[in-house]
């Protein structure tokens, strides 16, 4: 019997929406959350970044050899996290995640949508 559960895309999107976005907002707007320093909120978000980087081992996208719903849904949030401190993000060990994000940012679809 096949047990029905959440699809991998749905699980990643849920983790993004339920946990990572909280850390992202606190990191991005750390002045609104003075209970902890900005680096604390960044470290909390890094748990998800590390997971995504590990998912990218051996492939260009999170769940397959092609973009999935999870890739498209998570990209804007990873972009926001990376852009809080671009120098920090560039020096992290998350090379696969950096490359993944750069592929989206350089894509024709993204550049055509983001024209100013």
PDB file of N, CA and C in Angstrom:
ATOM      1  N   UNK A   1       0.833  -1.176   0.000  1.00  0.00           N
ATOM      2  CA  UNK A   1       0.000   0.000   0.000  1.00  0.00           C
ATOM      3  C   UNK A   1       0.880   1.243   0.000  1.00  0.00           C
ATOM      4  N   UNK A   2       0.566   2.192  -0.859  1.00  0.00           N
ATOM      5  CA  UNK A   2       1.309   3.444  -0.934  1.00  0.00           C
ATOM      6  C   UNK A   2       0.683   4.434   0.026  1.00  0.00           C
ATOM      7  N   UNK A   3       1.510   4.958   0.916  1.00  0.00           N
ATOM      8  CA  UNK A   3       1.012   5.965   1.862  1.00  0.00           C
ATOM      9  C   UNK A   3       1.065   7.324   1.201  1.00  0.00           C
ATOM     10  N   UNK A   4       0.020   8.044   1.354  1.00  0.00           N
ATOM     11  CA  UNK A   4      -0.036   9.382   0.767  1.00  0.00           C
ATOM     12  C   UNK A   4       0.461  10.396   1.779  1.00  0.00           C
ATOM     13  N   UNK A   5       1.376  11.199   1.336  1.00  0.00           N
ATOM     14  CA  UNK A   5       1.919  12.263   2.172  1.00  0.00           C
ATOM     15  C   UNK A   5       2.087  13.503   1.321  1.00  0.00           C
ATOM     16  N   UNK A   6       2.689  14.462   1.911  1.00  0.00           N
ATOM     17  CA  UNK A   6       2.931  15.687   1.164  1.00  0.00           C
ATOM     18  C   UNK A   6       3.993  15.426   0.106  1.00  0.00           C
ATOM     19  N   UNK A   7       3.824  16.055  -1.024  1.00  0.00           N
ATOM     20  CA  UNK A   7       4.834  15.988  -2.061  1.00  0.00           C
ATOM     21  C   UNK A   7       6.065  16.740  -1.581  1.00  0.00           C
ATOM     22  N   UNK A   8       7.242  16.374  -2.057  1.00  0.00           N
ATOM     23  CA  UNK A   8       8.450  17.080  -1.625  1.00  0.00           C
ATOM     24  C   UNK A   8       8.370  18.589  -1.838  1.00  0.00           C
ATOM     25  N   UNK A   9       7.798  19.026  -2.950  1.00  0.00           N
ATOM     26  CA  UNK A   9       7.649  20.473  -3.178  1.00  0.00           C
ATOM     27  C   UNK A   9       6.798  21.107  -2.098  1.00  0.00           C
ATOM     28  N   UNK A  10       5.695  20.473  -1.772  1.00  0.00           N
ATOM     29  CA  UNK A  10       4.787  21.016  -0.764  1.00  0.00           C
ATOM     30  C   UNK A  10       5.462  21.093   0.602  1.00  0.00           C
ATOM     31  N   UNK A  11       6.248  20.083   0.937  1.00  0.00           N
ATOM     32  CA  UNK A  11       6.938  20.075   2.225  1.00  0.00           C
ATOM     33  C   UNK A  11       7.964  21.197   2.310  1.00  0.00           C
ATOM     34  N   UNK A  12       8.727  21.411   1.249  1.00  0.00           N
ATOM     35  CA  UNK A  12       9.714  22.500   1.248  1.00  0.00           C
ATOM     36  C   UNK A  12       9.029  23.861   1.314  1.00  0.00           C
ATOM     37  N   UNK A  13       7.972  24.025   0.566  1.00  0.00           N
ATOM     38  CA  UNK A  13       7.243  25.295   0.569  1.00  0.00           C
ATOM     39  C   UNK A  13       6.659  25.551   1.953  1.00  0.00           C
ATOM     40  N   UNK A  14       6.132  24.514   2.581  1.00  0.00           N
ATOM     41  CA  UNK A  14       5.589  24.667   3.934  1.00  0.00           C
ATOM     42  C   UNK A  14       6.687  25.056   4.926  1.00  0.00           C
ATOM     43  N   UNK A  15       7.837  24.412   4.839  1.00  0.00           N
ATOM     44  CA  UNK A  15       8.946  24.765   5.732  1.00  0.00           C
ATOM     45  C   UNK A  15       9.386  26.210   5.500  1.00  0.00           C
ATOM     46  N   UNK A  16       9.416  26.611   4.258  1.00  0.00           N
ATOM     47  CA  UNK A  16       9.744  27.997   3.924  1.00  0.00           C
ATOM     48  C   UNK A  16       8.729  28.951   4.558  1.00  0.00           C
ATOM     49  N   UNK A  17       7.460  28.652   4.342  1.00  0.00           N
ATOM     50  CA  UNK A  17       6.399  29.547   4.804  1.00  0.00           C
ATOM     51  C   UNK A  17       6.235  29.565   6.319  1.00  0.00           C
ATOM     52  N   UNK A  18       6.434  28.420   6.964  1.00  0.00           N
ATOM     53  CA  UNK A  18       6.184  28.324   8.404  1.00  0.00           C
ATOM     54  C   UNK A  18       7.391  28.717   9.257  1.00  0.00           C
ATOM     55  N   UNK A  19       8.590  28.437   8.805  1.00  0.00           N
ATOM     56  CA  UNK A  19       9.775  28.688   9.635  1.00  0.00           C
ATOM     57  C   UNK A  19      10.731  29.691   9.001  1.00  0.00           C
ATOM     58  N   UNK A  20      11.143  29.432   7.768  1.00  0.00           N
ATOM     59  CA  UNK A  20      12.177  30.277   7.169  1.00  0.00           C
ATOM     60  C   UNK A  20      11.736  31.728   7.037  1.00  0.00           C
ATOM     61  N   UNK A  21      10.509  31.977   6.630  1.00  0.00           N
ATOM     62  CA  UNK A  21      10.046  33.358   6.463  1.00  0.00           C
ATOM     63  C   UNK A  21      10.084  34.128   7.778  1.00  0.00           C
ATOM     64  N   UNK A  22       9.852  33.452   8.881  1.00  0.00           N
ATOM     65  CA  UNK A  22       9.951  34.101  10.200  1.00  0.00           C
ATOM     66  C   UNK A  22      11.386  34.550  10.429  1.00  0.00           C
ATOM     67  N   UNK A  23      12.343  33.650  10.172  1.00  0.00           N
ATOM     68  CA  UNK A  23      13.753  33.993  10.356  1.00  0.00           C
ATOM     69  C   UNK A  23      14.177  35.080   9.373  1.00  0.00           C
ATOM     70  N   UNK A  24      13.705  34.984   8.142  1.00  0.00           N
ATOM     71  CA  UNK A  24      14.016  35.997   7.128  1.00  0.00           C
ATOM     72  C   UNK A  24      13.550  37.371   7.586  1.00  0.00           C
ATOM     73  N   UNK A  25      12.316  37.468   8.030  1.00  0.00           N
ATOM     74  CA  UNK A  25      11.782  38.768   8.455  1.00  0.00           C
ATOM     75  C   UNK A  25      12.540  39.328   9.646  1.00  0.00           C
ATOM     76  N   UNK A  26      12.894  38.494  10.577  1.00  0.00           N
ATOM     77  CA  UNK A  26      13.635  38.970  11.748  1.00  0.00           C
ATOM     78  C   UNK A  26      15.056  39.361  11.372  1.00  0.00           C
ATOM     79  N   UNK A  27      15.651  38.647  10.448  1.00  0.00           N
ATOM     80  CA  UNK A  27      16.988  38.986   9.975  1.00  0.00           C
ATOM     81  C   UNK A  27      16.951  40.280   9.166  1.00  0.00           C
ATOM     82  N   UNK A  28      16.013  40.372   8.259  1.00  0.00           N
ATOM     83  CA  UNK A  28      15.894  41.528   7.372  1.00  0.00           C
ATOM     84  C   UNK A  28      15.528  42.790   8.146  1.00  0.00           C
ATOM     85  N   UNK A  29      14.704  42.651   9.158  1.00  0.00           N
ATOM     86  CA  UNK A  29      14.231  43.794   9.949  1.00  0.00           C
ATOM     87  C   UNK A  29      14.643  43.638  11.406  1.00  0.00           C
ATOM     88  N   UNK A  30      15.906  43.326  11.626  1.00  0.00           N
ATOM     89  CA  UNK A  30      16.411  43.022  12.973  1.00  0.00           C
ATOM     90  C   UNK A  30      16.160  44.155  13.958  1.00  0.00           C
ATOM     91  N   UNK A  31      16.117  45.374  13.471  1.00  0.00           N
ATOM     92  CA  UNK A  31      15.862  46.508  14.382  1.00  0.00           C
ATOM     93  C   UNK A  31      14.471  46.426  15.015  1.00  0.00           C
ATOM     94  N   UNK A  32      13.563  45.731  14.409  1.00  0.00           N
ATOM     95  CA  UNK A  32      12.214  45.552  14.969  1.00  0.00           C
ATOM     96  C   UNK A  32      12.170  44.432  16.006  1.00  0.00           C
ATOM     97  N   UNK A  33      13.227  43.642  16.059  1.00  0.00           N
ATOM     98  CA  UNK A  33      13.298  42.486  16.962  1.00  0.00           C
ATOM     99  C   UNK A  33      14.581  42.578  17.797  1.00  0.00           C
ATOM    100  N   UNK A  34      14.643  43.540  18.713  1.00  0.00           N
ATOM    101  CA  UNK A  34      15.885  43.775  19.463  1.00  0.00           C
ATOM    102  C   UNK A  34      16.206  42.702  20.505  1.00  0.00           C
ATOM    103  N   UNK A  35      15.347  41.696  20.649  1.00  0.00           N
ATOM    104  CA  UNK A  35      15.593  40.641  21.635  1.00  0.00           C
ATOM    105  C   UNK A  35      16.889  39.878  21.341  1.00  0.00           C
ATOM    106  N   UNK A  36      17.247  39.813  20.058  1.00  0.00           N
ATOM    107  CA  UNK A  36      18.453  39.096  19.641  1.00  0.00           C
ATOM    108  C   UNK A  36      19.197  39.941  18.606  1.00  0.00           C
ATOM    109  N   UNK A  37      20.504  39.729  18.477  1.00  0.00           N
ATOM    110  CA  UNK A  37      21.236  40.441  17.420  1.00  0.00           C
ATOM    111  C   UNK A  37      20.897  39.882  16.044  1.00  0.00           C
ATOM    112  N   UNK A  38      21.143  40.670  15.029  1.00  0.00           N
ATOM    113  CA  UNK A  38      20.879  40.283  13.646  1.00  0.00           C
ATOM    114  C   UNK A  38      21.544  38.948  13.305  1.00  0.00           C
ATOM    115  N   UNK A  39      22.740  38.732  13.793  1.00  0.00           N
ATOM    116  CA  UNK A  39      23.468  37.496  13.484  1.00  0.00           C
ATOM    117  C   UNK A  39      22.751  36.259  14.031  1.00  0.00           C
ATOM    118  N   UNK A  40      22.026  36.424  15.118  1.00  0.00           N
ATOM    119  CA  UNK A  40      21.251  35.307  15.665  1.00  0.00           C
ATOM    120  C   UNK A  40      20.168  34.897  14.669  1.00  0.00           C
ATOM    121  N   UNK A  41      19.423  35.889  14.154  1.00  0.00           N
ATOM    122  CA  UNK A  41      18.348  35.593  13.211  1.00  0.00           C
ATOM    123  C   UNK A  41      18.906  35.029  11.905  1.00  0.00           C
ATOM    124  N   UNK A  42      20.067  35.525  11.495  1.00  0.00           N
ATOM    125  CA  UNK A  42      20.707  34.991  10.292  1.00  0.00           C
ATOM    126  C   UNK A  42      21.071  33.519  10.503  1.00  0.00           C
ATOM    127  N   UNK A  43      21.631  33.199  11.649  1.00  0.00           N
ATOM    128  CA  UNK A  43      22.006  31.809  11.944  1.00  0.00           C
ATOM    129  C   UNK A  43      20.781  30.899  11.959  1.00  0.00           C
ATOM    130  N   UNK A  44      19.673  31.387  12.461  1.00  0.00           N
ATOM    131  CA  UNK A  44      18.436  30.602  12.444  1.00  0.00           C
ATOM    132  C   UNK A  44      18.009  30.301  11.003  1.00  0.00           C
ATOM    133  N   UNK A  45      18.104  31.285  10.129  1.00  0.00           N
ATOM    134  CA  UNK A  45      17.756  31.095   8.722  1.00  0.00           C
ATOM    135  C   UNK A  45      18.731  30.205   7.987  1.00  0.00           C
ATOM    136  N   UNK A  46      19.973  30.211   8.445  1.00  0.00           N
ATOM    137  CA  UNK A  46      21.000  29.394   7.793  1.00  0.00           C
ATOM    138  C   UNK A  46      20.697  27.903   7.854  1.00  0.00           C
ATOM    139  N   UNK A  47      19.945  27.485   8.816  1.00  0.00           N
ATOM    140  CA  UNK A  47      19.580  26.063   8.911  1.00  0.00           C
ATOM    141  C   UNK A  47      18.873  25.637   7.624  1.00  0.00           C
ATOM    142  N   UNK A  48      17.966  26.474   7.141  1.00  0.00           N
ATOM    143  CA  UNK A  48      17.234  26.170   5.908  1.00  0.00           C
ATOM    144  C   UNK A  48      18.155  26.310   4.692  1.00  0.00           C
ATOM    145  N   UNK A  49      19.014  27.327   4.688  1.00  0.00           N
ATOM    146  CA  UNK A  49      19.955  27.487   3.577  1.00  0.00           C
ATOM    147  C   UNK A  49      20.829  26.246   3.432  1.00  0.00           C
ATOM    148  N   UNK A  50      21.299  25.743   4.561  1.00  0.00           N
ATOM    149  CA  UNK A  50      22.151  24.547   4.559  1.00  0.00           C
ATOM    150  C   UNK A  50      21.387  23.358   3.968  1.00  0.00           C
ATOM    151  N   UNK A  51      20.138  23.217   4.363  1.00  0.00           N
ATOM    152  CA  UNK A  51      19.314  22.118   3.849  1.00  0.00           C
ATOM    153  C   UNK A  51      19.147  22.233   2.334  1.00  0.00           C
ATOM    154  N   UNK A  52      18.876  23.441   1.861  1.00  0.00           N
ATOM    155  CA  UNK A  52      18.706  23.627   0.428  1.00  0.00           C
ATOM    156  C   UNK A  52      20.003  23.350  -0.321  1.00  0.00           C
ATOM    157  N   UNK A  53      21.119  23.814   0.224  1.00  0.00           N
ATOM    158  CA  UNK A  53      22.409  23.570  -0.404  1.00  0.00           C
ATOM    159  C   UNK A  53      22.676  22.065  -0.511  1.00  0.00           C
ATOM    160  N   UNK A  54      22.315  21.323   0.518  1.00  0.00           N
ATOM    161  CA  UNK A  54      22.491  19.864   0.490  1.00  0.00           C
ATOM    162  C   UNK A  54      21.590  19.211  -0.553  1.00  0.00           C
ATOM    163  N   UNK A  55      20.372  19.730  -0.715  1.00  0.00           N
ATOM    164  CA  UNK A  55      19.471  19.186  -1.737  1.00  0.00           C
ATOM    165  C   UNK A  55      20.034  19.378  -3.141  1.00  0.00           C
ATOM    166  N   UNK A  56      20.872  20.394  -3.316  1.00  0.00           N
ATOM    167  CA  UNK A  56      21.432  20.702  -4.629  1.00  0.00           C
ATOM    168  C   UNK A  56      22.666  19.869  -4.978  1.00  0.00           C
ATOM    169  N   UNK A  57      23.074  19.013  -4.080  1.00  0.00           N
ATOM    170  CA  UNK A  57      24.241  18.155  -4.357  1.00  0.00           C
ATOM    171  C   UNK A  57      23.940  17.260  -5.549  1.00  0.00           C
ATOM    172  N   UNK A  58      24.702  17.391  -6.601  1.00  0.00           N
ATOM    173  CA  UNK A  58      24.557  16.530  -7.764  1.00  0.00           C
ATOM    174  C   UNK A  58      23.493  16.935  -8.761  1.00  0.00           C
ATOM    175  N   UNK A  59      22.851  18.062  -8.541  1.00  0.00           N
ATOM    176  CA  UNK A  59      21.854  18.528  -9.515  1.00  0.00           C
ATOM    177  C   UNK A  59      21.737  20.053  -9.433  1.00  0.00           C
ATOM    178  N   UNK A  60      21.123  20.639 -10.448  1.00  0.00           N
ATOM    179  CA  UNK A  60      21.020  22.095 -10.531  1.00  0.00           C
ATOM    180  C   UNK A  60      19.798  22.672  -9.825  1.00  0.00           C
ATOM    181  N   UNK A  61      18.821  21.817  -9.510  1.00  0.00           N
ATOM    182  CA  UNK A  61      17.593  22.306  -8.892  1.00  0.00           C
ATOM    183  C   UNK A  61      17.285  21.491  -7.641  1.00  0.00           C
ATOM    184  N   UNK A  62      16.386  21.980  -6.833  1.00  0.00           N
ATOM    185  CA  UNK A  62      16.173  21.421  -5.496  1.00  0.00           C
ATOM    186  C   UNK A  62      15.690  19.983  -5.482  1.00  0.00           C
ATOM    187  N   UNK A  63      14.781  19.635  -6.367  1.00  0.00           N
ATOM    188  CA  UNK A  63      14.153  18.317  -6.284  1.00  0.00           C
ATOM    189  C   UNK A  63      14.294  17.469  -7.538  1.00  0.00           C
ATOM    190  N   UNK A  64      14.841  18.052  -8.594  1.00  0.00           N
ATOM    191  CA  UNK A  64      14.936  17.331  -9.863  1.00  0.00           C
ATOM    192  C   UNK A  64      16.022  17.976 -10.714  1.00  0.00           C
ATOM    193  N   UNK A  65      16.173  17.481 -11.930  1.00  0.00           N
ATOM    194  CA  UNK A  65      17.140  18.061 -12.857  1.00  0.00           C
ATOM    195  C   UNK A  65      16.548  19.210 -13.653  1.00  0.00           C
ATOM    196  N   UNK A  66      15.402  19.664 -13.235  1.00  0.00           N
ATOM    197  CA  UNK A  66      14.710  20.783 -13.873  1.00  0.00           C
ATOM    198  C   UNK A  66      14.017  21.583 -12.773  1.00  0.00           C
ATOM    199  N   UNK A  67      13.670  22.833 -13.028  1.00  0.00           N
ATOM    200  CA  UNK A  67      12.987  23.619 -11.998  1.00  0.00           C
ATOM    201  C   UNK A  67      11.649  22.989 -11.610  1.00  0.00           C
ATOM    202  N   UNK A  68      11.357  23.005 -10.332  1.00  0.00           N
ATOM    203  CA  UNK A  68      10.077  22.505  -9.826  1.00  0.00           C
ATOM    204  C   UNK A  68       9.331  23.673  -9.175  1.00  0.00           C
ATOM    205  N   UNK A  69       8.135  23.387  -8.725  1.00  0.00           N
ATOM    206  CA  UNK A  69       7.354  24.388  -8.006  1.00  0.00           C
ATOM    207  C   UNK A  69       8.134  24.916  -6.806  1.00  0.00           C
ATOM    208  N   UNK A  70       8.840  24.039  -6.118  1.00  0.00           N
ATOM    209  CA  UNK A  70       9.617  24.459  -4.945  1.00  0.00           C
ATOM    210  C   UNK A  70      10.690  25.472  -5.329  1.00  0.00           C
ATOM    211  N   UNK A  71      11.392  25.249  -6.412  1.00  0.00           N
ATOM    212  CA  UNK A  71      12.429  26.185  -6.845  1.00  0.00           C
ATOM    213  C   UNK A  71      11.850  27.577  -7.074  1.00  0.00           C
ATOM    214  N   UNK A  72      10.767  27.623  -7.813  1.00  0.00           N
ATOM    215  CA  UNK A  72      10.158  28.899  -8.166  1.00  0.00           C
ATOM    216  C   UNK A  72       9.555  29.577  -6.931  1.00  0.00           C
ATOM    217  N   UNK A  73       8.963  28.806  -6.052  1.00  0.00           N
ATOM    218  CA  UNK A  73       8.341  29.369  -4.855  1.00  0.00           C
ATOM    219  C   UNK A  73       9.365  29.884  -3.851  1.00  0.00           C
ATOM    220  N   UNK A  74      10.494  29.195  -3.718  1.00  0.00           N
ATOM    221  CA  UNK A  74      11.484  29.569  -2.708  1.00  0.00           C
ATOM    222  C   UNK A  74      12.457  30.635  -3.168  1.00  0.00           C
ATOM    223  N   UNK A  75      12.693  30.728  -4.466  1.00  0.00           N
ATOM    224  CA  UNK A  75      13.704  31.652  -4.975  1.00  0.00           C
ATOM    225  C   UNK A  75      13.545  33.083  -4.455  1.00  0.00           C
ATOM    226  N   UNK A  76      12.360  33.687  -4.470  1.00  0.00           N
ATOM    227  CA  UNK A  76      12.273  35.079  -4.002  1.00  0.00           C
ATOM    228  C   UNK A  76      12.689  35.252  -2.536  1.00  0.00           C
ATOM    229  N   UNK A  77      12.439  34.254  -1.726  1.00  0.00           N
ATOM    230  CA  UNK A  77      12.779  34.352  -0.307  1.00  0.00           C
ATOM    231  C   UNK A  77      14.272  34.152  -0.075  1.00  0.00           C
ATOM    232  N   UNK A  78      14.874  33.257  -0.836  1.00  0.00           N
ATOM    233  CA  UNK A  78      16.321  33.073  -0.740  1.00  0.00           C
ATOM    234  C   UNK A  78      17.014  34.327  -1.266  1.00  0.00           C
ATOM    235  N   UNK A  79      16.476  34.902  -2.302  1.00  0.00           N
ATOM    236  CA  UNK A  79      17.022  36.154  -2.847  1.00  0.00           C
ATOM    237  C   UNK A  79      16.988  37.261  -1.791  1.00  0.00           C
ATOM    238  N   UNK A  80      15.864  37.394  -1.111  1.00  0.00           N
ATOM    239  CA  UNK A  80      15.758  38.412  -0.060  1.00  0.00           C
ATOM    240  C   UNK A  80      16.782  38.173   1.040  1.00  0.00           C
ATOM    241  N   UNK A  81      16.912  36.928   1.472  1.00  0.00           N
ATOM    242  CA  UNK A  81      17.866  36.594   2.528  1.00  0.00           C
ATOM    243  C   UNK A  81      19.284  36.936   2.085  1.00  0.00           C
ATOM    244  N   UNK A  82      19.626  36.553   0.862  1.00  0.00           N
ATOM    245  CA  UNK A  82      20.959  36.823   0.326  1.00  0.00           C
ATOM    246  C   UNK A  82      21.237  38.310   0.210  1.00  0.00           C
ATOM    247  N   UNK A  83      20.222  39.081  -0.088  1.00  0.00           N
ATOM    248  CA  UNK A  83      20.412  40.515  -0.325  1.00  0.00           C
ATOM    249  C   UNK A  83      20.460  41.352   0.944  1.00  0.00           C
ATOM    250  N   UNK A  84      20.149  40.774   2.084  1.00  0.00           N
ATOM    251  CA  UNK A  84      20.288  41.534   3.340  1.00  0.00           C
ATOM    252  C   UNK A  84      21.753  41.911   3.525  1.00  0.00           C
ATOM    253  N   UNK A  85      22.635  40.970   3.279  1.00  0.00           N
ATOM    254  CA  UNK A  85      24.079  41.212   3.378  1.00  0.00           C
ATOM    255  C   UNK A  85      24.740  40.391   2.279  1.00  0.00           C
ATOM    256  N   UNK A  86      24.856  40.987   1.109  1.00  0.00           N
ATOM    257  CA  UNK A  86      25.367  40.271  -0.064  1.00  0.00           C
ATOM    258  C   UNK A  86      26.792  39.790   0.124  1.00  0.00           C
ATOM    259  N   UNK A  87      27.614  40.582   0.790  1.00  0.00           N
ATOM    260  CA  UNK A  87      29.005  40.178   1.013  1.00  0.00           C
ATOM    261  C   UNK A  87      29.062  38.929   1.891  1.00  0.00           C
ATOM    262  N   UNK A  88      28.244  38.909   2.935  1.00  0.00           N
ATOM    263  CA  UNK A  88      28.201  37.733   3.800  1.00  0.00           C
ATOM    264  C   UNK A  88      27.767  36.511   3.000  1.00  0.00           C
ATOM    265  N   UNK A  89      26.677  36.644   2.246  1.00  0.00           N
ATOM    266  CA  UNK A  89      26.153  35.507   1.487  1.00  0.00           C
ATOM    267  C   UNK A  89      27.189  34.994   0.491  1.00  0.00           C
ATOM    268  N   UNK A  90      27.909  35.898  -0.138  1.00  0.00           N
ATOM    269  CA  UNK A  90      28.911  35.504  -1.134  1.00  0.00           C
ATOM    270  C   UNK A  90      30.052  34.694  -0.524  1.00  0.00           C
ATOM    271  N   UNK A  91      30.334  34.898   0.753  1.00  0.00           N
ATOM    272  CA  UNK A  91      31.446  34.173   1.373  1.00  0.00           C
ATOM    273  C   UNK A  91      31.011  32.931   2.147  1.00  0.00           C
ATOM    274  N   UNK A  92      29.728  32.610   2.104  1.00  0.00           N
ATOM    275  CA  UNK A  92      29.249  31.423   2.805  1.00  0.00           C
ATOM    276  C   UNK A  92      29.681  30.145   2.071  1.00  0.00           C
ATOM    277  N   UNK A  93      29.604  29.015   2.740  1.00  0.00           N
ATOM    278  CA  UNK A  93      29.943  27.753   2.070  1.00  0.00           C
ATOM    279  C   UNK A  93      28.809  27.205   1.197  1.00  0.00           C
ATOM    280  N   UNK A  94      27.740  27.950   1.020  1.00  0.00           N
ATOM    281  CA  UNK A  94      26.576  27.469   0.276  1.00  0.00           C
ATOM    282  C   UNK A  94      26.751  27.738  -1.221  1.00  0.00           C
ATOM    283  N   UNK A  95      27.796  27.186  -1.792  1.00  0.00           N
ATOM    284  CA  UNK A  95      28.143  27.448  -3.198  1.00  0.00           C
ATOM    285  C   UNK A  95      27.059  26.946  -4.150  1.00  0.00           C
ATOM    286  N   UNK A  96      26.530  25.781  -3.879  1.00  0.00           N
ATOM    287  CA  UNK A  96      25.477  25.248  -4.766  1.00  0.00           C
ATOM    288  C   UNK A  96      24.247  26.141  -4.718  1.00  0.00           C
ATOM    289  N   UNK A  97      23.893  26.621  -3.542  1.00  0.00           N
ATOM    290  CA  UNK A  97      22.742  27.509  -3.405  1.00  0.00           C
ATOM    291  C   UNK A  97      23.013  28.851  -4.087  1.00  0.00           C
ATOM    292  N   UNK A  98      24.224  29.348  -3.964  1.00  0.00           N
ATOM    293  CA  UNK A  98      24.598  30.587  -4.645  1.00  0.00           C
ATOM    294  C   UNK A  98      24.452  30.425  -6.162  1.00  0.00           C
ATOM    295  N   UNK A  99      24.952  29.313  -6.689  1.00  0.00           N
ATOM    296  CA  UNK A  99      24.846  29.054  -8.128  1.00  0.00           C
ATOM    297  C   UNK A  99      23.391  28.909  -8.553  1.00  0.00           C
ATOM    298  N   UNK A 100      22.597  28.212  -7.745  1.00  0.00           N
ATOM    299  CA  UNK A 100      21.160  28.034  -8.017  1.00  0.00           C
ATOM    300  C   UNK A 100      20.471  29.391  -8.104  1.00  0.00           C
ATOM    301  N   UNK A 101      20.734  30.243  -7.132  1.00  0.00           N
ATOM    302  CA  UNK A 101      20.116  31.570  -7.115  1.00  0.00           C
ATOM    303  C   UNK A 101      20.573  32.374  -8.327  1.00  0.00           C
ATOM    304  N   UNK A 102      21.851  32.321  -8.635  1.00  0.00           N
ATOM    305  CA  UNK A 102      22.373  33.078  -9.776  1.00  0.00           C
ATOM    306  C   UNK A 102      21.746  32.624 -11.088  1.00  0.00           C
ATOM    307  N   UNK A 103      21.503  31.322 -11.238  1.00  0.00           N
ATOM    308  CA  UNK A 103      20.840  30.826 -12.455  1.00  0.00           C
ATOM    309  C   UNK A 103      19.467  31.470 -12.615  1.00  0.00           C
ATOM    310  N   UNK A 104      18.734  31.574 -11.526  1.00  0.00           N
ATOM    311  CA  UNK A 104      17.418  32.218 -11.608  1.00  0.00           C
ATOM    312  C   UNK A 104      17.541  33.701 -11.905  1.00  0.00           C
ATOM    313  N   UNK A 105      18.446  34.370 -11.218  1.00  0.00           N
ATOM    314  CA  UNK A 105      18.598  35.815 -11.398  1.00  0.00           C
ATOM    315  C   UNK A 105      19.062  36.170 -12.809  1.00  0.00           C
ATOM    316  N   UNK A 106      19.819  35.299 -13.436  1.00  0.00           N
ATOM    317  CA  UNK A 106      20.324  35.546 -14.786  1.00  0.00           C
ATOM    318  C   UNK A 106      19.384  35.031 -15.868  1.00  0.00           C
ATOM    319  N   UNK A 107      18.340  34.317 -15.472  1.00  0.00           N
ATOM    320  CA  UNK A 107      17.438  33.723 -16.468  1.00  0.00           C
ATOM    321  C   UNK A 107      16.663  34.802 -17.218  1.00  0.00           C
ATOM    322  N   UNK A 108      16.353  34.492 -18.445  1.00  0.00           N
ATOM    323  CA  UNK A 108      15.589  35.424 -19.273  1.00  0.00           C
ATOM    324  C   UNK A 108      14.222  35.716 -18.656  1.00  0.00           C
ATOM    325  N   UNK A 109      13.592  34.712 -18.099  1.00  0.00           N
ATOM    326  CA  UNK A 109      12.287  34.910 -17.468  1.00  0.00           C
ATOM    327  C   UNK A 109      12.389  35.920 -16.331  1.00  0.00           C
ATOM    328  N   UNK A 110      13.353  35.741 -15.442  1.00  0.00           N
ATOM    329  CA  UNK A 110      13.494  36.649 -14.302  1.00  0.00           C
ATOM    330  C   UNK A 110      13.841  38.066 -14.767  1.00  0.00           C
ATOM    331  N   UNK A 111      14.804  38.184 -15.665  1.00  0.00           N
ATOM    332  CA  UNK A 111      15.209  39.525 -16.103  1.00  0.00           C
ATOM    333  C   UNK A 111      14.087  40.236 -16.856  1.00  0.00           C
ATOM    334  N   UNK A 112      13.257  39.499 -17.571  1.00  0.00           N
ATOM    335  CA  UNK A 112      12.151  40.145 -18.268  1.00  0.00           C
ATOM    336  C   UNK A 112      11.064  40.598 -17.288  1.00  0.00           C
ATOM    337  N   UNK A 113      10.871  39.858 -16.218  1.00  0.00           N
ATOM    338  CA  UNK A 113       9.873  40.226 -15.210  1.00  0.00           C
ATOM    339  C   UNK A 113      10.344  41.410 -14.382  1.00  0.00           C
ATOM    340  N   UNK A 114      11.641  41.477 -14.110  1.00  0.00           N
ATOM    341  CA  UNK A 114      12.187  42.478 -13.198  1.00  0.00           C
ATOM    342  C   UNK A 114      12.662  43.747 -13.907  1.00  0.00           C
ATOM    343  N   UNK A 115      12.332  43.925 -15.171  1.00  0.00           N
ATOM    344  CA  UNK A 115      12.734  45.155 -15.867  1.00  0.00           C
ATOM    345  C   UNK A 115      12.125  46.351 -15.161  1.00  0.00           C
ATOM    346  N   UNK A 116      12.942  47.390 -15.065  1.00  0.00           N
ATOM    347  CA  UNK A 116      12.446  48.625 -14.426  1.00  0.00           C
ATOM    348  C   UNK A 116      12.085  49.643 -15.474  1.00  0.00           C
TER     349      UNK A 116
END
